[in-house]
Amino acid sequence: IRFRRGLPPGDGVLFYPGEVFSSSSQPVASARLERILSGLQ
């Protein structure tokens, strides 16, 4: 996953690269994805 800067809010990204937001290399789920998964349950 490659992070693209400068995208507007609501760009539809569901995962973000872990290196940008934490020390882990695991992808980070967006709030949008968490809400989708919650709605499916």
Protein backbone atom coordinates (compact mmCIF):
# COMPACT_ATOMS: atom_id res chain seq x y z
CA ILE A 1 0.00 0.00 0.00
CA ARG A 2 1.36 3.37 -0.94
CA PHE A 3 0.18 6.54 0.79
CA ARG A 4 -0.90 9.41 -1.48
CA ARG A 5 -0.81 12.85 0.08
CA GLY A 6 -3.09 15.73 -0.85
CA LEU A 7 -6.28 13.73 -1.34
CA PRO A 8 -9.51 15.46 -0.28
CA PRO A 9 -11.59 14.23 2.68
CA GLY A 10 -13.89 11.39 1.65
CA ASP A 11 -11.46 10.06 -0.92
CA GLY A 12 -12.63 6.48 -0.40
CA VAL A 13 -9.41 5.09 1.07
CA LEU A 14 -10.15 2.09 3.32
CA PHE A 15 -6.58 1.22 4.40
CA TYR A 16 -3.58 3.37 5.20
CA PRO A 17 0.04 2.19 5.32
CA GLY A 18 1.19 1.44 8.86
CA GLU A 19 4.59 3.12 8.43
CA VAL A 20 2.90 6.52 8.12
CA PHE A 21 0.62 6.22 11.17
CA SER A 22 2.42 3.83 13.53
CA SER A 23 5.66 1.95 14.00
CA SER A 24 4.10 -1.19 12.52
CA SER A 25 4.28 -2.12 8.87
CA GLN A 26 0.73 -3.52 9.03
CA PRO A 27 -1.99 -1.58 7.18
CA VAL A 28 -4.24 0.59 9.35
CA ALA A 29 -8.00 0.46 8.79
CA SER A 30 -9.77 3.77 8.21
CA ALA A 31 -12.78 4.87 10.25
CA ARG A 32 -14.81 4.35 7.07
CA LEU A 33 -13.83 0.67 6.88
CA GLU A 34 -14.59 0.15 10.58
CA ARG A 35 -18.07 1.62 10.10
CA ILE A 36 -18.69 -0.57 7.03
CA LEU A 37 -17.69 -3.67 8.99
CA SER A 38 -19.86 -2.61 11.94
CA GLY A 39 -22.82 -2.16 9.60
CA LEU A 40 -22.34 -5.62 8.14
CA GLN A 41 -22.53 -7.20 11.59
